C-alpha atoms as a PDB file:
ATOM      1  CA  MET A   1      11.914  12.577  -3.058  1.00  0.00           C
ATOM      2  CA  SER A   2       9.006  11.195  -5.062  1.00  0.00           C
ATOM      3  CA  LYS A   3       5.461  12.448  -5.299  1.00  0.00           C
ATOM      4  CA  ILE A   4       3.023   9.542  -5.387  1.00  0.00           C
ATOM      5  CA  ILE A   5      -0.740   9.188  -5.166  1.00  0.00           C
ATOM      6  CA  ILE A   6      -2.128   6.796  -2.576  1.00  0.00           C
ATOM      7  CA  ASN A   7      -5.624   5.297  -2.864  1.00  0.00           C
ATOM      8  CA  ALA A   8      -6.887   3.190   0.039  1.00  0.00           C
ATOM      9  CA  TYR A   9     -10.275   1.511  -0.062  1.00  0.00           C
ATOM     10  CA  ALA A  10     -12.719   0.444   2.660  1.00  0.00           C
ATOM     11  CA  ILE A  11     -11.117  -0.335   6.043  1.00  0.00           C
ATOM     12  CA  LEU A  12      -7.636   0.591   4.790  1.00  0.00           C
ATOM     13  CA  GLY A  13      -8.806   4.132   4.019  1.00  0.00           C
ATOM     14  CA  ASP A  14     -10.423   4.305   7.442  1.00  0.00           C
ATOM     15  CA  ILE A  15      -7.181   3.237   9.099  1.00  0.00           C
ATOM     16  CA  LEU A  16      -5.127   5.832   7.212  1.00  0.00           C
ATOM     17  CA  GLY A  17      -7.715   8.560   7.651  1.00  0.00           C
ATOM     18  CA  PHE A  18      -8.050   9.198   3.909  1.00  0.00           C
ATOM     19  CA  LYS A  19      -9.231   7.453   0.766  1.00  0.00           C
ATOM     20  CA  SER A  20      -6.915   9.321  -1.604  1.00  0.00           C
ATOM     21  CA  ASN A  21      -3.890  11.464  -0.900  1.00  0.00           C
ATOM     22  CA  GLU A  22      -0.801  12.810  -2.621  1.00  0.00           C
ATOM     23  CA  ILE A  23       2.346  12.226  -0.584  1.00  0.00           C
ATOM     24  CA  PHE A  24       6.029  13.006  -0.867  1.00  0.00           C
ATOM     25  CA  THR A  25       8.380  10.246   0.217  1.00  0.00           C
ATOM     26  CA  SER A  26      11.903   8.958  -0.190  1.00  0.00           C
ATOM     27  CA  ALA A  27      10.556   5.374  -0.269  1.00  0.00           C
ATOM     28  CA  GLN A  28      11.826   3.352  -3.214  1.00  0.00           C
ATOM     29  CA  THR A  29       9.740   0.164  -2.899  1.00  0.00           C
ATOM     30  CA  VAL A  30       6.159  -0.731  -2.057  1.00  0.00           C
ATOM     31  CA  GLU A  31       7.359  -2.155   1.250  1.00  0.00           C
ATOM     32  CA  GLU A  32       8.984   1.177   2.122  1.00  0.00           C
ATOM     33  CA  VAL A  33       5.763   3.019   1.202  1.00  0.00           C
ATOM     34  CA  VAL A  34       3.802   0.749   3.555  1.00  0.00           C
ATOM     35  CA  ASP A  35       6.322   1.493   6.324  1.00  0.00           C
ATOM     36  CA  PHE A  36       6.110   5.225   5.590  1.00  0.00           C
ATOM     37  CA  LEU A  37       2.296   5.204   5.723  1.00  0.00           C
ATOM     38  CA  ALA A  38       2.288   3.167   8.942  1.00  0.00           C
ATOM     39  CA  GLN A  39       4.757   5.521  10.612  1.00  0.00           C
ATOM     40  CA  ARG A  40       3.105   8.714   9.420  1.00  0.00           C
ATOM     41  CA  TYR A  41      -0.595   7.864   9.678  1.00  0.00           C
ATOM     42  CA  ASN A  42      -1.357   4.707  11.661  1.00  0.00           C
ATOM     43  CA  SER A  43       0.810   1.720  12.643  1.00  0.00           C
ATOM     44  CA  SER A  44      -2.216  -0.582  12.270  1.00  0.00           C
ATOM     45  CA  PHE A  45      -2.022  -0.102   8.505  1.00  0.00           C
ATOM     46  CA  LYS A  46       1.023  -2.362   8.186  1.00  0.00           C
ATOM     47  CA  GLU A  47      -0.441  -4.914  10.605  1.00  0.00           C
ATOM     48  CA  TYR A  48      -3.554  -5.215   8.414  1.00  0.00           C
ATOM     49  CA  LEU A  49      -1.588  -5.628   5.177  1.00  0.00           C
ATOM     50  CA  ILE A  50       1.540  -7.584   6.051  1.00  0.00           C
ATOM     51  CA  ASP A  51       1.839 -10.901   7.876  1.00  0.00           C
ATOM     52  CA  GLN A  52       4.446 -10.137  10.527  1.00  0.00           C
ATOM     53  CA  GLN A  53       5.911 -13.654  10.560  1.00  0.00           C
ATOM     54  CA  SER A  54       6.319 -14.168   6.817  1.00  0.00           C
ATOM     55  CA  ASN A  55       6.672 -10.474   5.906  1.00  0.00           C
ATOM     56  CA  LEU A  56       4.365 -11.122   2.927  1.00  0.00           C
ATOM     57  CA  LEU A  57       1.158  -9.449   1.854  1.00  0.00           C
ATOM     58  CA  ARG A  58      -1.781 -11.104   3.631  1.00  0.00           C
ATOM     59  CA  ASN A  59      -4.080 -13.298   1.544  1.00  0.00           C
ATOM     60  CA  SER A  60      -6.759 -11.491  -0.439  1.00  0.00           C
ATOM     61  CA  PHE A  61      -5.202  -8.035  -0.025  1.00  0.00           C
ATOM     62  CA  ARG A  62      -4.124  -6.402  -3.279  1.00  0.00           C
ATOM     63  CA  ILE A  63      -1.747  -3.574  -4.069  1.00  0.00           C
ATOM     64  CA  LEU A  64      -1.689  -2.065  -7.550  1.00  0.00           C
ATOM     65  CA  ILE A  65       0.851   0.311  -9.035  1.00  0.00           C
ATOM     66  CA  ASN A  66      -0.560   2.241 -11.956  1.00  0.00           C
ATOM     67  CA  GLY A  67      -3.194  -0.485 -12.328  1.00  0.00           C
ATOM     68  CA  THR A  68      -0.814  -3.490 -12.247  1.00  0.00           C
ATOM     69  CA  ASP A  69      -0.960  -5.932  -9.319  1.00  0.00           C
ATOM     70  CA  ILE A  70       2.406  -6.138  -7.535  1.00  0.00           C
ATOM     71  CA  GLU A  71       1.992  -9.931  -7.445  1.00  0.00           C
ATOM     72  CA  PHE A  72       2.914  -9.861 -11.153  1.00  0.00           C
ATOM     73  CA  ARG A  73       6.016  -7.790 -10.481  1.00  0.00           C
ATOM     74  CA  ASP A  74       8.389  -8.004  -7.513  1.00  0.00           C
ATOM     75  CA  LYS A  75       5.676  -8.119  -4.837  1.00  0.00           C
ATOM     76  CA  LEU A  76       6.561  -5.856  -1.886  1.00  0.00           C
ATOM     77  CA  LYS A  77      10.016  -5.233  -3.375  1.00  0.00           C
ATOM     78  CA  THR A  78       8.441  -3.609  -6.461  1.00  0.00           C
ATOM     79  CA  SER A  79      10.128  -0.270  -7.181  1.00  0.00           C
ATOM     80  CA  ILE A  80       8.145   2.941  -7.134  1.00  0.00           C
ATOM     81  CA  PHE A  81       8.840   6.088  -9.079  1.00  0.00           C
ATOM     82  CA  ASP A  82       7.833   9.725  -9.036  1.00  0.00           C
ATOM     83  CA  GLY A  83       4.243  10.099 -10.228  1.00  0.00           C
ATOM     84  CA  ASP A  84       3.177   6.516  -9.490  1.00  0.00           C
ATOM     85  CA  GLU A  85      -0.317   5.768  -8.246  1.00  0.00           C
ATOM     86  CA  ILE A  86      -0.494   3.064  -5.583  1.00  0.00           C
ATOM     87  CA  THR A  87      -3.860   1.541  -4.738  1.00  0.00           C
ATOM     88  CA  PHE A  88      -4.539  -0.639  -1.686  1.00  0.00           C
ATOM     89  CA  PHE A  89      -7.509  -3.034  -1.688  1.00  0.00           C
ATOM     90  CA  PRO A  90      -8.687  -5.091   1.292  1.00  0.00           C
ATOM     91  CA  PRO A  91     -10.345  -8.489   0.787  1.00  0.00           C
ATOM     92  CA  VAL A  92     -13.675  -8.158  -0.967  1.00  0.00           C
ATOM     93  CA  GLY A  93     -16.639 -10.403  -0.273  1.00  0.00           C
ATOM     94  CA  GLY A  94     -20.080 -10.538  -1.654  1.00  0.00           C
ATOM     95  CA  GLY A  95     -22.746 -12.719  -2.903  1.00  0.00           C
END
């Protein structure tokens, strides 16, 4: 069982019901963490993040592990370890 820190910004934090939380999970990949969070807190979380047909992270969403974007690692299959900090960002707009 790993202890990880979850940070969820904007709408993603609203969906989960927290902006930052320490959780204990047996998940071993980012994908498994997303499933865990969806099952435990709100099933809409996964629907917002993951395209159900392609099973890929939706465009403009970002997930960082210890500050590194998972797109530069193994995407949703990126391994997680005890003590990791996972941050979820929704699309950001501005002007």
